[in-house]
Amino acid sequence: MANGANRGERLQIMLSGEELTVLDDFRFKKRMPSRAAAIRELLKRGLAAEGFQAAAFGAKSEEFGVLGKVPNGR
């Protein structure tokens, strides 16, 4: 997904005022263009910290095993 192309799914979340303030602080500190961009970045960082990475474009489910290499990213 390059620069927002092909984003066909919408995800709605509700945040408290305090959570929104923290999100906006992160967004402005990192000079991000939108709240959506900040949320995507935080999701990417959180998933990477837990060992999850983006699947390679065109990767097949059989390529994801318990042992072995993870398919290359996009």
N, C-alpha and C. Protein backbone atom coordinates (compact mmCIF):
# COMPACT_ATOMS: atom_id res chain seq x y z
N MET A 1 0.85 -1.17 0.00
CA MET A 1 0.00 0.00 0.00
C MET A 1 0.90 1.23 0.00
N ALA A 2 0.94 1.92 -1.08
CA ALA A 2 1.82 3.07 -1.20
C ALA A 2 1.05 4.37 -1.01
N ASN A 3 1.39 5.10 0.01
CA ASN A 3 0.82 6.42 0.26
C ASN A 3 -0.70 6.44 0.27
N GLY A 4 -1.32 5.49 0.91
CA GLY A 4 -2.76 5.50 1.08
C GLY A 4 -3.55 4.87 -0.05
N ALA A 5 -2.90 4.36 -1.05
CA ALA A 5 -3.61 3.74 -2.15
C ALA A 5 -4.31 2.48 -1.68
N ASN A 6 -5.48 2.23 -2.22
CA ASN A 6 -6.23 1.00 -1.97
C ASN A 6 -6.67 0.82 -0.52
N ARG A 7 -6.92 1.88 0.20
CA ARG A 7 -7.45 1.74 1.56
C ARG A 7 -8.96 1.65 1.47
N GLY A 8 -9.49 0.45 1.44
CA GLY A 8 -10.91 0.25 1.24
C GLY A 8 -11.70 -0.05 2.50
N GLU A 9 -11.04 -0.20 3.61
CA GLU A 9 -11.74 -0.54 4.85
C GLU A 9 -11.70 0.63 5.82
N ARG A 10 -12.80 0.83 6.50
CA ARG A 10 -12.90 1.91 7.49
C ARG A 10 -12.95 1.29 8.88
N LEU A 11 -12.24 1.88 9.80
CA LEU A 11 -12.21 1.43 11.19
C LEU A 11 -12.57 2.62 12.07
N GLN A 12 -13.63 2.47 12.82
CA GLN A 12 -14.05 3.55 13.71
C GLN A 12 -13.67 3.20 15.14
N ILE A 13 -13.06 4.15 15.84
CA ILE A 13 -12.72 3.93 17.25
C ILE A 13 -13.21 5.12 18.06
N MET A 14 -13.46 4.89 19.31
CA MET A 14 -13.85 5.94 20.24
C MET A 14 -12.72 6.12 21.24
N LEU A 15 -12.33 7.36 21.49
CA LEU A 15 -11.26 7.67 22.42
C LEU A 15 -11.78 8.63 23.48
N SER A 16 -11.21 8.53 24.66
CA SER A 16 -11.52 9.51 25.71
C SER A 16 -10.80 10.82 25.37
N GLY A 17 -11.16 11.87 26.02
CA GLY A 17 -10.49 13.15 25.80
C GLY A 17 -9.00 13.06 26.10
N GLU A 18 -8.65 12.33 27.14
CA GLU A 18 -7.24 12.17 27.51
C GLU A 18 -6.49 11.37 26.44
N GLU A 19 -7.10 10.32 25.94
CA GLU A 19 -6.46 9.52 24.88
C GLU A 19 -6.27 10.35 23.61
N LEU A 20 -7.25 11.15 23.28
CA LEU A 20 -7.16 12.00 22.10
C LEU A 20 -6.05 13.04 22.26
N THR A 21 -5.90 13.58 23.46
CA THR A 21 -4.83 14.54 23.72
C THR A 21 -3.47 13.89 23.52
N VAL A 22 -3.29 12.67 24.04
CA VAL A 22 -2.02 11.96 23.88
C VAL A 22 -1.77 11.66 22.41
N LEU A 23 -2.80 11.24 21.68
CA LEU A 23 -2.65 10.98 20.25
C LEU A 23 -2.24 12.24 19.50
N ASP A 24 -2.92 13.33 19.79
CA ASP A 24 -2.57 14.60 19.12
C ASP A 24 -1.16 15.07 19.48
N ASP A 25 -0.76 14.88 20.72
CA ASP A 25 0.61 15.25 21.12
C ASP A 25 1.63 14.45 20.30
N PHE A 26 1.38 13.14 20.16
CA PHE A 26 2.27 12.29 19.35
C PHE A 26 2.27 12.78 17.92
N ARG A 27 1.09 13.00 17.37
CA ARG A 27 0.97 13.45 15.98
C ARG A 27 1.75 14.73 15.71
N PHE A 28 1.58 15.71 16.56
CA PHE A 28 2.25 16.99 16.33
C PHE A 28 3.75 16.90 16.56
N LYS A 29 4.15 16.13 17.57
CA LYS A 29 5.58 15.97 17.83
C LYS A 29 6.28 15.30 16.66
N LYS A 30 5.61 14.34 16.02
CA LYS A 30 6.18 13.62 14.89
C LYS A 30 5.84 14.27 13.55
N ARG A 31 5.15 15.41 13.60
CA ARG A 31 4.77 16.16 12.39
C ARG A 31 4.01 15.30 11.39
N MET A 32 3.02 14.61 11.88
CA MET A 32 2.21 13.74 11.03
C MET A 32 1.04 14.54 10.46
N PRO A 33 0.62 14.22 9.24
CA PRO A 33 -0.39 15.04 8.57
C PRO A 33 -1.81 14.88 9.09
N SER A 34 -2.11 13.77 9.77
CA SER A 34 -3.48 13.54 10.22
C SER A 34 -3.50 12.59 11.42
N ARG A 35 -4.64 12.56 12.08
CA ARG A 35 -4.82 11.60 13.17
C ARG A 35 -4.76 10.18 12.62
N ALA A 36 -5.34 9.99 11.44
CA ALA A 36 -5.34 8.65 10.84
C ALA A 36 -3.91 8.17 10.60
N ALA A 37 -3.05 9.06 10.10
CA ALA A 37 -1.65 8.69 9.87
C ALA A 37 -0.97 8.34 11.19
N ALA A 38 -1.27 9.10 12.24
CA ALA A 38 -0.68 8.83 13.56
C ALA A 38 -1.15 7.47 14.09
N ILE A 39 -2.42 7.18 13.91
CA ILE A 39 -2.95 5.90 14.38
C ILE A 39 -2.33 4.75 13.60
N ARG A 40 -2.20 4.90 12.27
CA ARG A 40 -1.56 3.85 11.48
C ARG A 40 -0.12 3.62 11.94
N GLU A 41 0.60 4.71 12.21
CA GLU A 41 1.99 4.58 12.67
C GLU A 41 2.06 3.88 14.02
N LEU A 42 1.17 4.24 14.93
CA LEU A 42 1.17 3.60 16.24
C LEU A 42 0.80 2.12 16.14
N LEU A 43 -0.15 1.79 15.27
CA LEU A 43 -0.50 0.38 15.04
C LEU A 43 0.70 -0.38 14.49
N LYS A 44 1.37 0.22 13.51
CA LYS A 44 2.54 -0.43 12.92
C LYS A 44 3.61 -0.68 13.97
N ARG A 45 3.88 0.33 14.80
CA ARG A 45 4.90 0.18 15.84
C ARG A 45 4.50 -0.85 16.88
N GLY A 46 3.25 -0.82 17.30
CA GLY A 46 2.78 -1.78 18.30
C GLY A 46 2.82 -3.20 17.79
N LEU A 47 2.38 -3.41 16.56
CA LEU A 47 2.40 -4.75 15.99
C LEU A 47 3.83 -5.24 15.79
N ALA A 48 4.72 -4.36 15.35
CA ALA A 48 6.12 -4.75 15.17
C ALA A 48 6.75 -5.11 16.51
N ALA A 49 6.40 -4.37 17.56
CA ALA A 49 6.94 -4.66 18.89
C ALA A 49 6.49 -6.03 19.39
N GLU A 50 5.32 -6.47 18.94
CA GLU A 50 4.81 -7.78 19.33
C GLU A 50 5.23 -8.89 18.38
N GLY A 51 6.04 -8.53 17.38
CA GLY A 51 6.55 -9.54 16.47
C GLY A 51 5.72 -9.73 15.21
N PHE A 52 4.77 -8.85 14.97
CA PHE A 52 3.95 -8.93 13.76
C PHE A 52 4.47 -7.96 12.74
N GLN A 53 4.55 -8.40 11.49
CA GLN A 53 5.01 -7.53 10.41
C GLN A 53 4.03 -7.63 9.26
N ALA A 54 4.07 -6.65 8.38
CA ALA A 54 3.19 -6.66 7.22
C ALA A 54 3.52 -7.86 6.34
N ALA A 55 2.49 -8.47 5.81
CA ALA A 55 2.69 -9.60 4.91
C ALA A 55 3.21 -9.11 3.58
N ALA A 56 4.01 -9.90 2.98
CA ALA A 56 4.53 -9.56 1.66
C ALA A 56 3.38 -9.55 0.66
N PHE A 57 3.42 -8.63 -0.27
CA PHE A 57 2.40 -8.55 -1.31
C PHE A 57 2.42 -9.85 -2.10
N GLY A 58 1.30 -10.49 -2.20
CA GLY A 58 1.21 -11.73 -2.95
C GLY A 58 1.65 -12.96 -2.17
N ALA A 59 1.99 -12.80 -0.89
CA ALA A 59 2.41 -13.96 -0.10
C ALA A 59 1.24 -14.90 0.12
N LYS A 60 1.50 -16.18 0.11
CA LYS A 60 0.47 -17.18 0.31
C LYS A 60 0.48 -17.64 1.76
N SER A 61 -0.66 -18.05 2.25
CA SER A 61 -0.75 -18.45 3.65
C SER A 61 0.21 -19.58 3.99
N GLU A 62 0.50 -20.43 3.02
CA GLU A 62 1.42 -21.55 3.28
C GLU A 62 2.85 -21.09 3.53
N GLU A 63 3.15 -19.84 3.17
CA GLU A 63 4.49 -19.30 3.40
C GLU A 63 4.70 -18.87 4.84
N PHE A 64 3.64 -18.82 5.63
CA PHE A 64 3.73 -18.40 7.02
C PHE A 64 3.68 -19.64 7.91
N GLY A 65 4.84 -20.10 8.33
CA GLY A 65 4.90 -21.28 9.18
C GLY A 65 5.43 -20.91 10.55
N VAL A 66 5.41 -21.88 11.43
CA VAL A 66 5.95 -21.68 12.77
C VAL A 66 7.46 -21.54 12.71
N LEU A 67 8.09 -22.31 11.84
CA LEU A 67 9.54 -22.25 11.68
C LEU A 67 9.88 -21.66 10.33
N GLY A 68 11.02 -21.05 10.24
CA GLY A 68 11.45 -20.51 8.95
C GLY A 68 11.32 -19.01 8.86
N LYS A 69 11.62 -18.50 7.70
CA LYS A 69 11.64 -17.06 7.48
C LYS A 69 10.24 -16.53 7.22
N VAL A 70 10.03 -15.30 7.62
CA VAL A 70 8.80 -14.58 7.30
C VAL A 70 8.97 -14.04 5.89
N PRO A 71 7.93 -14.11 5.04
CA PRO A 71 8.06 -13.54 3.70
C PRO A 71 8.47 -12.09 3.75
N ASN A 72 9.23 -11.64 2.77
CA ASN A 72 9.68 -10.26 2.73
C ASN A 72 8.49 -9.31 2.69
N GLY A 73 8.69 -8.13 3.28
CA GLY A 73 7.63 -7.11 3.27
C GLY A 73 7.46 -6.53 1.88
N ARG A 74 6.54 -5.62 1.79
CA ARG A 74 6.20 -5.04 0.49
C ARG A 74 7.30 -4.22 -0.08
